[in-house]
Each structure stands twice: as structure tokens, then as C-alpha cells.
Amino acid sequence: MIIEIEGEAISWSKRGSCGNSGCTDPECGCALCGRPIGVADDDLRWDGHDEDCAGCELCEVPLILFRGEGKNTEQASFHHACFKKIAFFRSQAGHGE
């Protein structure tokens, strides 16, 4: 379930992301905070980065939600931390099955 956050708005995109990490296009950034998700491939921080890493800022992949159908489909990409601000999981409340 997605909950509403007072003063925060989710930016839904009809076009969707280009798929390039760290892209600064507003359609590609986080639907909540607007910042780029991930780090561009040409960023110097990748030099010497551990290939087996899966949990740092360089390796972050967006969490993507879709709504609508067919030509009316929209998408919203999020940083995992931003998504946690708006998501309420029943299992966290002790009501999961």
C-alpha cells in the first residue's frame, strides 16, 4: 500500500527513464526527491570499485512502480530510501500473513 505524505508529491512519468545510471533528466530521477538515481558509468568513483558489491551508492538501482494500462501507463522510479518514506508494508505492522 502506498501512503500519502503531506507536502510530498510523487512525480509520475509517461515517458519513463532512459535507463542510464545517474541521468540528470527529471524524467529519470527519483519520483519523490527528484535527484538522479545511481552514478554514471564514467564517474571516477567506479575506478577500483569491487565488482561483487551490491549495496553502495554506486550500485543502487531504482525501485520502479507502474500504474495505468497500455498507452496510459506511467512509471515512477525511486531511491530505496525515498520509497521507504511512502511505503507501508503490512508485515512491518505485524499484520502480514
PDB file of N, CA and C in Angstrom:
ATOM      1  N   MET A   1       0.845  -1.165   0.000  1.00  0.00           N
ATOM      2  CA  MET A   1       0.000   0.000   0.000  1.00  0.00           C
ATOM      3  C   MET A   1       0.898   1.238   0.000  1.00  0.00           C
ATOM      4  N   ILE A   2       0.560   2.213  -0.781  1.00  0.00           N
ATOM      5  CA  ILE A   2       1.291   3.476  -0.811  1.00  0.00           C
ATOM      6  C   ILE A   2       0.499   4.488   0.012  1.00  0.00           C
ATOM      7  N   ILE A   3       1.186   5.162   0.910  1.00  0.00           N
ATOM      8  CA  ILE A   3       0.502   6.155   1.736  1.00  0.00           C
ATOM      9  C   ILE A   3       0.870   7.555   1.267  1.00  0.00           C
ATOM     10  N   GLU A   4       0.005   8.490   1.540  1.00  0.00           N
ATOM     11  CA  GLU A   4       0.227   9.868   1.161  1.00  0.00           C
ATOM     12  C   GLU A   4       1.122  10.550   2.189  1.00  0.00           C
ATOM     13  N   ILE A   5       2.031  11.362   1.724  1.00  0.00           N
ATOM     14  CA  ILE A   5       2.884  12.146   2.615  1.00  0.00           C
ATOM     15  C   ILE A   5       2.506  13.600   2.428  1.00  0.00           C
ATOM     16  N   GLU A   6       2.159  14.237   3.507  1.00  0.00           N
ATOM     17  CA  GLU A   6       1.769  15.638   3.433  1.00  0.00           C
ATOM     18  C   GLU A   6       2.916  16.472   2.892  1.00  0.00           C
ATOM     19  N   GLY A   7       2.651  17.260   1.854  1.00  0.00           N
ATOM     20  CA  GLY A   7       3.667  18.138   1.279  1.00  0.00           C
ATOM     21  C   GLY A   7       4.581  17.452   0.281  1.00  0.00           C
ATOM     22  N   GLU A   8       4.483  16.147   0.148  1.00  0.00           N
ATOM     23  CA  GLU A   8       5.321  15.414  -0.805  1.00  0.00           C
ATOM     24  C   GLU A   8       4.445  14.941  -1.953  1.00  0.00           C
ATOM     25  N   ALA A   9       4.953  15.033  -3.154  1.00  0.00           N
ATOM     26  CA  ALA A   9       4.195  14.575  -4.315  1.00  0.00           C
ATOM     27  C   ALA A   9       5.051  13.620  -5.131  1.00  0.00           C
ATOM     28  N   ILE A  10       4.427  12.579  -5.612  1.00  0.00           N
ATOM     29  CA  ILE A  10       5.108  11.635  -6.490  1.00  0.00           C
ATOM     30  C   ILE A  10       4.995  12.149  -7.909  1.00  0.00           C
ATOM     31  N   SER A  11       6.098  12.200  -8.593  1.00  0.00           N
ATOM     32  CA  SER A  11       6.128  12.660  -9.971  1.00  0.00           C
ATOM     33  C   SER A  11       6.071  11.448 -10.900  1.00  0.00           C
ATOM     34  N   TRP A  12       4.922  11.224 -11.521  1.00  0.00           N
ATOM     35  CA  TRP A  12       4.734  10.102 -12.438  1.00  0.00           C
ATOM     36  C   TRP A  12       5.162  10.522 -13.836  1.00  0.00           C
ATOM     37  N   SER A  13       5.769   9.611 -14.564  1.00  0.00           N
ATOM     38  CA  SER A  13       6.284   9.899 -15.895  1.00  0.00           C
ATOM     39  C   SER A  13       5.593   9.027 -16.936  1.00  0.00           C
ATOM     40  N   LYS A  14       5.155   9.644 -18.026  1.00  0.00           N
ATOM     41  CA  LYS A  14       4.596   8.881 -19.143  1.00  0.00           C
ATOM     42  C   LYS A  14       5.717   8.337 -20.026  1.00  0.00           C
ATOM     43  N   ARG A  15       6.831   9.050 -20.089  1.00  0.00           N
ATOM     44  CA  ARG A  15       7.949   8.646 -20.938  1.00  0.00           C
ATOM     45  C   ARG A  15       8.802   7.572 -20.287  1.00  0.00           C
ATOM     46  N   GLY A  16       9.043   7.695 -18.993  1.00  0.00           N
ATOM     47  CA  GLY A  16       9.881   6.727 -18.293  1.00  0.00           C
ATOM     48  C   GLY A  16      11.348   7.094 -18.365  1.00  0.00           C
ATOM     49  N   SER A  17      12.140   6.335 -17.679  1.00  0.00           N
ATOM     50  CA  SER A  17      13.576   6.575 -17.568  1.00  0.00           C
ATOM     51  C   SER A  17      14.312   6.126 -18.821  1.00  0.00           C
ATOM     52  N   CYS A  18      15.452   6.769 -19.085  1.00  0.00           N
ATOM     53  CA  CYS A  18      16.294   6.369 -20.217  1.00  0.00           C
ATOM     54  C   CYS A  18      17.104   5.118 -19.877  1.00  0.00           C
ATOM     55  N   GLY A  19      17.204   4.804 -18.586  1.00  0.00           N
ATOM     56  CA  GLY A  19      17.921   3.606 -18.165  1.00  0.00           C
ATOM     57  C   GLY A  19      19.385   3.820 -17.844  1.00  0.00           C
ATOM     58  N   ASN A  20      19.881   5.047 -17.992  1.00  0.00           N
ATOM     59  CA  ASN A  20      21.281   5.342 -17.690  1.00  0.00           C
ATOM     60  C   ASN A  20      21.432   5.797 -16.246  1.00  0.00           C
ATOM     61  N   SER A  21      22.267   5.098 -15.489  1.00  0.00           N
ATOM     62  CA  SER A  21      22.505   5.454 -14.089  1.00  0.00           C
ATOM     63  C   SER A  21      23.018   6.878 -13.975  1.00  0.00           C
ATOM     64  N   GLY A  22      22.494   7.613 -13.013  1.00  0.00           N
ATOM     65  CA  GLY A  22      22.961   8.965 -12.751  1.00  0.00           C
ATOM     66  C   GLY A  22      22.443  10.020 -13.703  1.00  0.00           C
ATOM     67  N   CYS A  23      21.517   9.671 -14.587  1.00  0.00           N
ATOM     68  CA  CYS A  23      20.971  10.639 -15.547  1.00  0.00           C
ATOM     69  C   CYS A  23      20.304  11.787 -14.791  1.00  0.00           C
ATOM     70  N   THR A  24      20.548  13.013 -15.232  1.00  0.00           N
ATOM     71  CA  THR A  24      20.006  14.188 -14.552  1.00  0.00           C
ATOM     72  C   THR A  24      18.681  14.678 -15.137  1.00  0.00           C
ATOM     73  N   ASP A  25      18.173  14.018 -16.166  1.00  0.00           N
ATOM     74  CA  ASP A  25      16.880  14.376 -16.740  1.00  0.00           C
ATOM     75  C   ASP A  25      15.811  14.170 -15.666  1.00  0.00           C
ATOM     76  N   PRO A  26      14.915  15.138 -15.456  1.00  0.00           N
ATOM     77  CA  PRO A  26      13.881  14.998 -14.431  1.00  0.00           C
ATOM     78  C   PRO A  26      13.013  13.742 -14.601  1.00  0.00           C
ATOM     79  N   GLU A  27      12.830  13.268 -15.817  1.00  0.00           N
ATOM     80  CA  GLU A  27      12.039  12.061 -16.066  1.00  0.00           C
ATOM     81  C   GLU A  27      12.763  10.805 -15.575  1.00  0.00           C
ATOM     82  N   CYS A  28      14.067  10.908 -15.374  1.00  0.00           N
ATOM     83  CA  CYS A  28      14.872   9.742 -14.989  1.00  0.00           C
ATOM     84  C   CYS A  28      15.176   9.690 -13.498  1.00  0.00           C
ATOM     85  N   GLY A  29      15.003  10.782 -12.807  1.00  0.00           N
ATOM     86  CA  GLY A  29      15.345  10.847 -11.389  1.00  0.00           C
ATOM     87  C   GLY A  29      14.279  10.262 -10.488  1.00  0.00           C
ATOM     88  N   CYS A  30      14.528  10.349  -9.214  1.00  0.00           N
ATOM     89  CA  CYS A  30      13.614   9.837  -8.196  1.00  0.00           C
ATOM     90  C   CYS A  30      12.290  10.604  -8.249  1.00  0.00           C
ATOM     91  N   ALA A  31      11.190   9.864  -8.240  1.00  0.00           N
ATOM     92  CA  ALA A  31       9.860  10.463  -8.329  1.00  0.00           C
ATOM     93  C   ALA A  31       9.468  11.220  -7.073  1.00  0.00           C
ATOM     94  N   LEU A  32      10.234  11.058  -6.004  1.00  0.00           N
ATOM     95  CA  LEU A  32       9.911  11.753  -4.766  1.00  0.00           C
ATOM     96  C   LEU A  32      10.845  12.939  -4.521  1.00  0.00           C
ATOM     97  N   CYS A  33      12.159  12.700  -4.571  1.00  0.00           N
ATOM     98  CA  CYS A  33      13.104  13.776  -4.256  1.00  0.00           C
ATOM     99  C   CYS A  33      13.654  14.481  -5.504  1.00  0.00           C
ATOM    100  N   GLY A  34      13.542  13.839  -6.677  1.00  0.00           N
ATOM    101  CA  GLY A  34      13.994  14.453  -7.918  1.00  0.00           C
ATOM    102  C   GLY A  34      15.467  14.285  -8.236  1.00  0.00           C
ATOM    103  N   ARG A  35      16.247  13.751  -7.307  1.00  0.00           N
ATOM    104  CA  ARG A  35      17.683  13.587  -7.558  1.00  0.00           C
ATOM    105  C   ARG A  35      17.940  12.382  -8.462  1.00  0.00           C
ATOM    106  N   PRO A  36      19.074  12.393  -9.176  1.00  0.00           N
ATOM    107  CA  PRO A  36      19.420  11.235 -10.009  1.00  0.00           C
ATOM    108  C   PRO A  36      19.547   9.967  -9.172  1.00  0.00           C
ATOM    109  N   ILE A  37      19.272   8.836  -9.806  1.00  0.00           N
ATOM    110  CA  ILE A  37      19.407   7.538  -9.147  1.00  0.00           C
ATOM    111  C   ILE A  37      20.619   6.841  -9.733  1.00  0.00           C
ATOM    112  N   GLY A  38      21.506   6.398  -8.863  1.00  0.00           N
ATOM    113  CA  GLY A  38      22.720   5.741  -9.318  1.00  0.00           C
ATOM    114  C   GLY A  38      23.793   6.733  -9.716  1.00  0.00           C
ATOM    115  N   VAL A  39      24.885   6.207 -10.227  1.00  0.00           N
ATOM    116  CA  VAL A  39      26.044   7.014 -10.599  1.00  0.00           C
ATOM    117  C   VAL A  39      26.433   6.668 -12.036  1.00  0.00           C
ATOM    118  N   ALA A  40      26.683   7.677 -12.832  1.00  0.00           N
ATOM    119  CA  ALA A  40      27.025   7.477 -14.248  1.00  0.00           C
ATOM    120  C   ALA A  40      28.240   6.563 -14.411  1.00  0.00           C
ATOM    121  N   ASP A  41      28.261   5.805 -15.496  1.00  0.00           N
ATOM    122  CA  ASP A  41      29.351   4.862 -15.762  1.00  0.00           C
ATOM    123  C   ASP A  41      30.713   5.536 -15.877  1.00  0.00           C
ATOM    124  N   ASP A  42      30.736   6.802 -16.303  1.00  0.00           N
ATOM    125  CA  ASP A  42      32.026   7.489 -16.472  1.00  0.00           C
ATOM    126  C   ASP A  42      32.506   8.198 -15.199  1.00  0.00           C
ATOM    127  N   ASP A  43      31.782   8.032 -14.091  1.00  0.00           N
ATOM    128  CA  ASP A  43      32.176   8.636 -12.814  1.00  0.00           C
ATOM    129  C   ASP A  43      33.456   7.966 -12.314  1.00  0.00           C
ATOM    130  N   LEU A  44      34.407   8.764 -11.857  1.00  0.00           N
ATOM    131  CA  LEU A  44      35.705   8.249 -11.404  1.00  0.00           C
ATOM    132  C   LEU A  44      35.598   7.335 -10.178  1.00  0.00           C
ATOM    133  N   ARG A  45      34.488   7.429  -9.448  1.00  0.00           N
ATOM    134  CA  ARG A  45      34.323   6.571  -8.275  1.00  0.00           C
ATOM    135  C   ARG A  45      34.219   5.092  -8.643  1.00  0.00           C
ATOM    136  N   TRP A  46      33.949   4.796  -9.905  1.00  0.00           N
ATOM    137  CA  TRP A  46      33.875   3.405 -10.345  1.00  0.00           C
ATOM    138  C   TRP A  46      35.258   2.765 -10.421  1.00  0.00           C
ATOM    139  N   ASP A  47      36.307   3.590 -10.587  1.00  0.00           N
ATOM    140  CA  ASP A  47      37.672   3.049 -10.680  1.00  0.00           C
ATOM    141  C   ASP A  47      37.997   2.291  -9.397  1.00  0.00           C
ATOM    142  N   GLY A  48      38.361   1.040  -9.537  1.00  0.00           N
ATOM    143  CA  GLY A  48      38.731   0.234  -8.384  1.00  0.00           C
ATOM    144  C   GLY A  48      37.558  -0.248  -7.557  1.00  0.00           C
ATOM    145  N   HIS A  49      36.338  -0.052  -8.047  1.00  0.00           N
ATOM    146  CA  HIS A  49      35.156  -0.494  -7.313  1.00  0.00           C
ATOM    147  C   HIS A  49      35.056  -2.013  -7.359  1.00  0.00           C
ATOM    148  N   ASP A  50      34.663  -2.615  -6.259  1.00  0.00           N
ATOM    149  CA  ASP A  50      34.521  -4.065  -6.158  1.00  0.00           C
ATOM    150  C   ASP A  50      33.348  -4.538  -7.024  1.00  0.00           C
ATOM    151  N   GLU A  51      33.620  -5.428  -7.963  1.00  0.00           N
ATOM    152  CA  GLU A  51      32.585  -5.940  -8.867  1.00  0.00           C
ATOM    153  C   GLU A  51      31.479  -6.693  -8.140  1.00  0.00           C
ATOM    154  N   ASP A  52      31.786  -7.258  -6.976  1.00  0.00           N
ATOM    155  CA  ASP A  52      30.808  -8.046  -6.242  1.00  0.00           C
ATOM    156  C   ASP A  52      29.963  -7.216  -5.279  1.00  0.00           C
ATOM    157  N   CYS A  53      30.209  -5.916  -5.213  1.00  0.00           N
ATOM    158  CA  CYS A  53      29.447  -5.045  -4.325  1.00  0.00           C
ATOM    159  C   CYS A  53      28.002  -4.952  -4.825  1.00  0.00           C
ATOM    160  N   ALA A  54      27.078  -4.870  -3.904  1.00  0.00           N
ATOM    161  CA  ALA A  54      25.679  -4.742  -4.306  1.00  0.00           C
ATOM    162  C   ALA A  54      24.894  -3.821  -3.376  1.00  0.00           C
ATOM    163  N   GLY A  55      25.586  -3.006  -2.594  1.00  0.00           N
ATOM    164  CA  GLY A  55      24.829  -2.221  -1.642  1.00  0.00           C
ATOM    165  C   GLY A  55      25.282  -0.790  -1.449  1.00  0.00           C
ATOM    166  N   CYS A  56      26.128  -0.280  -2.310  1.00  0.00           N
ATOM    167  CA  CYS A  56      26.600   1.092  -2.123  1.00  0.00           C
ATOM    168  C   CYS A  56      25.880   2.045  -3.078  1.00  0.00           C
ATOM    169  N   GLU A  57      26.142   3.341  -2.946  1.00  0.00           N
ATOM    170  CA  GLU A  57      25.520   4.354  -3.791  1.00  0.00           C
ATOM    171  C   GLU A  57      25.796   4.109  -5.269  1.00  0.00           C
ATOM    172  N   LEU A  58      26.985   3.605  -5.584  1.00  0.00           N
ATOM    173  CA  LEU A  58      27.329   3.347  -6.981  1.00  0.00           C
ATOM    174  C   LEU A  58      26.452   2.247  -7.579  1.00  0.00           C
ATOM    175  N   CYS A  59      26.092   1.286  -6.773  1.00  0.00           N
ATOM    176  CA  CYS A  59      25.365   0.111  -7.258  1.00  0.00           C
ATOM    177  C   CYS A  59      23.849   0.239  -7.158  1.00  0.00           C
ATOM    178  N   GLU A  60      23.356   1.323  -6.579  1.00  0.00           N
ATOM    179  CA  GLU A  60      21.916   1.437  -6.367  1.00  0.00           C
ATOM    180  C   GLU A  60      21.150   1.408  -7.693  1.00  0.00           C
ATOM    181  N   VAL A  61      20.127   0.595  -7.729  1.00  0.00           N
ATOM    182  CA  VAL A  61      19.217   0.540  -8.870  1.00  0.00           C
ATOM    183  C   VAL A  61      17.868   1.052  -8.402  1.00  0.00           C
ATOM    184  N   PRO A  62      17.111   1.676  -9.285  1.00  0.00           N
ATOM    185  CA  PRO A  62      15.842   2.236  -8.851  1.00  0.00           C
ATOM    186  C   PRO A  62      14.792   1.175  -8.554  1.00  0.00           C
ATOM    187  N   LEU A  63      13.893   1.518  -7.666  1.00  0.00           N
ATOM    188  CA  LEU A  63      12.696   0.738  -7.439  1.00  0.00           C
ATOM    189  C   LEU A  63      11.642   1.418  -8.310  1.00  0.00           C
ATOM    190  N   ILE A  64      10.997   0.684  -9.198  1.00  0.00           N
ATOM    191  CA  ILE A  64      10.093   1.293 -10.172  1.00  0.00           C
ATOM    192  C   ILE A  64       8.675   0.779  -9.984  1.00  0.00           C
ATOM    193  N   LEU A  65       7.731   1.714  -9.910  1.00  0.00           N
ATOM    194  CA  LEU A  65       6.305   1.395  -9.847  1.00  0.00           C
ATOM    195  C   LEU A  65       5.659   1.801 -11.166  1.00  0.00           C
ATOM    196  N   PHE A  66       4.643   1.060 -11.555  1.00  0.00           N
ATOM    197  CA  PHE A  66       3.876   1.381 -12.760  1.00  0.00           C
ATOM    198  C   PHE A  66       2.418   1.515 -12.380  1.00  0.00           C
ATOM    199  N   ARG A  67       1.700   2.380 -13.099  1.00  0.00           N
ATOM    200  CA  ARG A  67       0.255   2.485 -12.931  1.00  0.00           C
ATOM    201  C   ARG A  67      -0.360   2.733 -14.300  1.00  0.00           C
ATOM    202  N   GLY A  68      -1.601   2.352 -14.440  1.00  0.00           N
ATOM    203  CA  GLY A  68      -2.293   2.516 -15.710  1.00  0.00           C
ATOM    204  C   GLY A  68      -2.077   1.317 -16.616  1.00  0.00           C
ATOM    205  N   GLU A  69      -2.663   1.397 -17.801  1.00  0.00           N
ATOM    206  CA  GLU A  69      -2.553   0.312 -18.772  1.00  0.00           C
ATOM    207  C   GLU A  69      -2.317   0.865 -20.165  1.00  0.00           C
ATOM    208  N   GLY A  70      -1.658   0.051 -20.984  1.00  0.00           N
ATOM    209  CA  GLY A  70      -1.431   0.403 -22.387  1.00  0.00           C
ATOM    210  C   GLY A  70      -0.750   1.749 -22.544  1.00  0.00           C
ATOM    211  N   LYS A  71      -1.314   2.589 -23.428  1.00  0.00           N
ATOM    212  CA  LYS A  71      -0.724   3.906 -23.696  1.00  0.00           C
ATOM    213  C   LYS A  71      -0.846   4.864 -22.514  1.00  0.00           C
ATOM    214  N   ASN A  72      -1.658   4.503 -21.537  1.00  0.00           N
ATOM    215  CA  ASN A  72      -1.841   5.342 -20.347  1.00  0.00           C
ATOM    216  C   ASN A  72      -0.928   4.934 -19.193  1.00  0.00           C
ATOM    217  N   THR A  73       0.006   4.024 -19.443  1.00  0.00           N
ATOM    218  CA  THR A  73       0.911   3.568 -18.391  1.00  0.00           C
ATOM    219  C   THR A  73       1.871   4.693 -17.995  1.00  0.00           C
ATOM    220  N   GLU A  74       2.042   4.850 -16.692  1.00  0.00           N
ATOM    221  CA  GLU A  74       3.003   5.808 -16.151  1.00  0.00           C
ATOM    222  C   GLU A  74       3.941   5.053 -15.226  1.00  0.00           C
ATOM    223  N   GLN A  75       5.129   5.632 -15.035  1.00  0.00           N
ATOM    224  CA  GLN A  75       6.090   4.987 -14.146  1.00  0.00           C
ATOM    225  C   GLN A  75       6.678   6.015 -13.196  1.00  0.00           C
ATOM    226  N   ALA A  76       7.073   5.514 -12.037  1.00  0.00           N
ATOM    227  CA  ALA A  76       7.737   6.343 -11.034  1.00  0.00           C
ATOM    228  C   ALA A  76       8.919   5.542 -10.498  1.00  0.00           C
ATOM    229  N   SER A  77      10.119   6.125 -10.585  1.00  0.00           N
ATOM    230  CA  SER A  77      11.335   5.477 -10.090  1.00  0.00           C
ATOM    231  C   SER A  77      11.730   6.128  -8.768  1.00  0.00           C
ATOM    232  N   PHE A  78      12.231   5.322  -7.849  1.00  0.00           N
ATOM    233  CA  PHE A  78      12.570   5.817  -6.523  1.00  0.00           C
ATOM    234  C   PHE A  78      13.928   5.316  -6.060  1.00  0.00           C
ATOM    235  N   HIS A  79      14.617   6.131  -5.235  1.00  0.00           N
ATOM    236  CA  HIS A  79      15.711   5.616  -4.415  1.00  0.00           C
ATOM    237  C   HIS A  79      15.039   4.700  -3.393  1.00  0.00           C
ATOM    238  N   HIS A  80      15.697   3.676  -2.952  1.00  0.00           N
ATOM    239  CA  HIS A  80      15.103   2.783  -1.962  1.00  0.00           C
ATOM    240  C   HIS A  80      14.746   3.537  -0.684  1.00  0.00           C
ATOM    241  N   ALA A  81      15.608   4.461  -0.258  1.00  0.00           N
ATOM    242  CA  ALA A  81      15.342   5.238   0.962  1.00  0.00           C
ATOM    243  C   ALA A  81      14.108   6.127   0.795  1.00  0.00           C
ATOM    244  N   CYS A  82      13.922   6.704  -0.380  1.00  0.00           N
ATOM    245  CA  CYS A  82      12.749   7.550  -0.625  1.00  0.00           C
ATOM    246  C   CYS A  82      11.478   6.710  -0.652  1.00  0.00           C
ATOM    247  N   PHE A  83      11.545   5.530  -1.267  1.00  0.00           N
ATOM    248  CA  PHE A  83      10.372   4.672  -1.323  1.00  0.00           C
ATOM    249  C   PHE A  83       9.934   4.261   0.077  1.00  0.00           C
ATOM    250  N   LYS A  84      10.893   4.038   0.961  1.00  0.00           N
ATOM    251  CA  LYS A  84      10.555   3.651   2.333  1.00  0.00           C
ATOM    252  C   LYS A  84       9.756   4.741   3.045  1.00  0.00           C
ATOM    253  N   LYS A  85       9.875   5.991   2.592  1.00  0.00           N
ATOM    254  CA  LYS A  85       9.125   7.088   3.202  1.00  0.00           C
ATOM    255  C   LYS A  85       7.639   7.007   2.867  1.00  0.00           C
ATOM    256  N   ILE A  86       7.310   6.380   1.755  1.00  0.00           N
ATOM    257  CA  ILE A  86       5.916   6.358   1.322  1.00  0.00           C
ATOM    258  C   ILE A  86       5.280   4.983   1.375  1.00  0.00           C
ATOM    259  N   ALA A  87       6.064   3.949   1.599  1.00  0.00           N
ATOM    260  CA  ALA A  87       5.516   2.595   1.592  1.00  0.00           C
ATOM    261  C   ALA A  87       5.267   2.103   3.005  1.00  0.00           C
ATOM    262  N   PHE A  88       4.185   1.472   3.187  1.00  0.00           N
ATOM    263  CA  PHE A  88       3.846   0.846   4.450  1.00  0.00           C
ATOM    264  C   PHE A  88       3.584  -0.613   4.132  1.00  0.00           C
ATOM    265  N   PHE A  89       4.407  -1.476   4.659  1.00  0.00           N
ATOM    266  CA  PHE A  89       4.258  -2.894   4.402  1.00  0.00           C
ATOM    267  C   PHE A  89       3.514  -3.543   5.558  1.00  0.00           C
ATOM    268  N   ARG A  90       2.472  -4.272   5.249  1.00  0.00           N
ATOM    269  CA  ARG A  90       1.652  -4.895   6.294  1.00  0.00           C
ATOM    270  C   ARG A  90       2.489  -5.746   7.224  1.00  0.00           C
ATOM    271  N   SER A  91       3.485  -6.423   6.703  1.00  0.00           N
ATOM    272  CA  SER A  91       4.295  -7.301   7.547  1.00  0.00           C
ATOM    273  C   SER A  91       5.063  -6.520   8.611  1.00  0.00           C
ATOM    274  N   GLN A  92       5.396  -5.265   8.337  1.00  0.00           N
ATOM    275  CA  GLN A  92       6.100  -4.439   9.322  1.00  0.00           C
ATOM    276  C   GLN A  92       5.174  -4.044  10.458  1.00  0.00           C
ATOM    277  N   ALA A  93       3.892  -4.035  10.213  1.00  0.00           N
ATOM    278  CA  ALA A  93       2.921  -3.642  11.231  1.00  0.00           C
ATOM    279  C   ALA A  93       2.422  -4.859  12.010  1.00  0.00           C
ATOM    280  N   GLY A  94       2.934  -6.031  11.680  1.00  0.00           N
ATOM    281  CA  GLY A  94       2.507  -7.236  12.376  1.00  0.00           C
ATOM    282  C   GLY A  94       1.218  -7.820  11.848  1.00  0.00           C
ATOM    283  N   HIS A  95       0.769  -7.336  10.666  1.00  0.00           N
ATOM    284  CA  HIS A  95      -0.480  -7.823  10.107  1.00  0.00           C
ATOM    285  C   HIS A  95      -0.254  -8.699   8.882  1.00  0.00           C
ATOM    286  N   GLY A  96       0.983  -8.994   8.558  1.00  0.00           N
ATOM    287  CA  GLY A  96       1.269  -9.789   7.359  1.00  0.00           C
ATOM    288  C   GLY A  96       0.918 -11.246   7.565  1.00  0.00           C
ATOM    289  N   GLU A  97       0.750 -11.900   6.460  1.00  0.00           N
ATOM    290  CA  GLU A  97       0.421 -13.330   6.553  1.00  0.00           C
ATOM    291  C   GLU A  97       1.510 -14.141   5.932  1.00  0.00           C
TER     292      GLU A  97
END
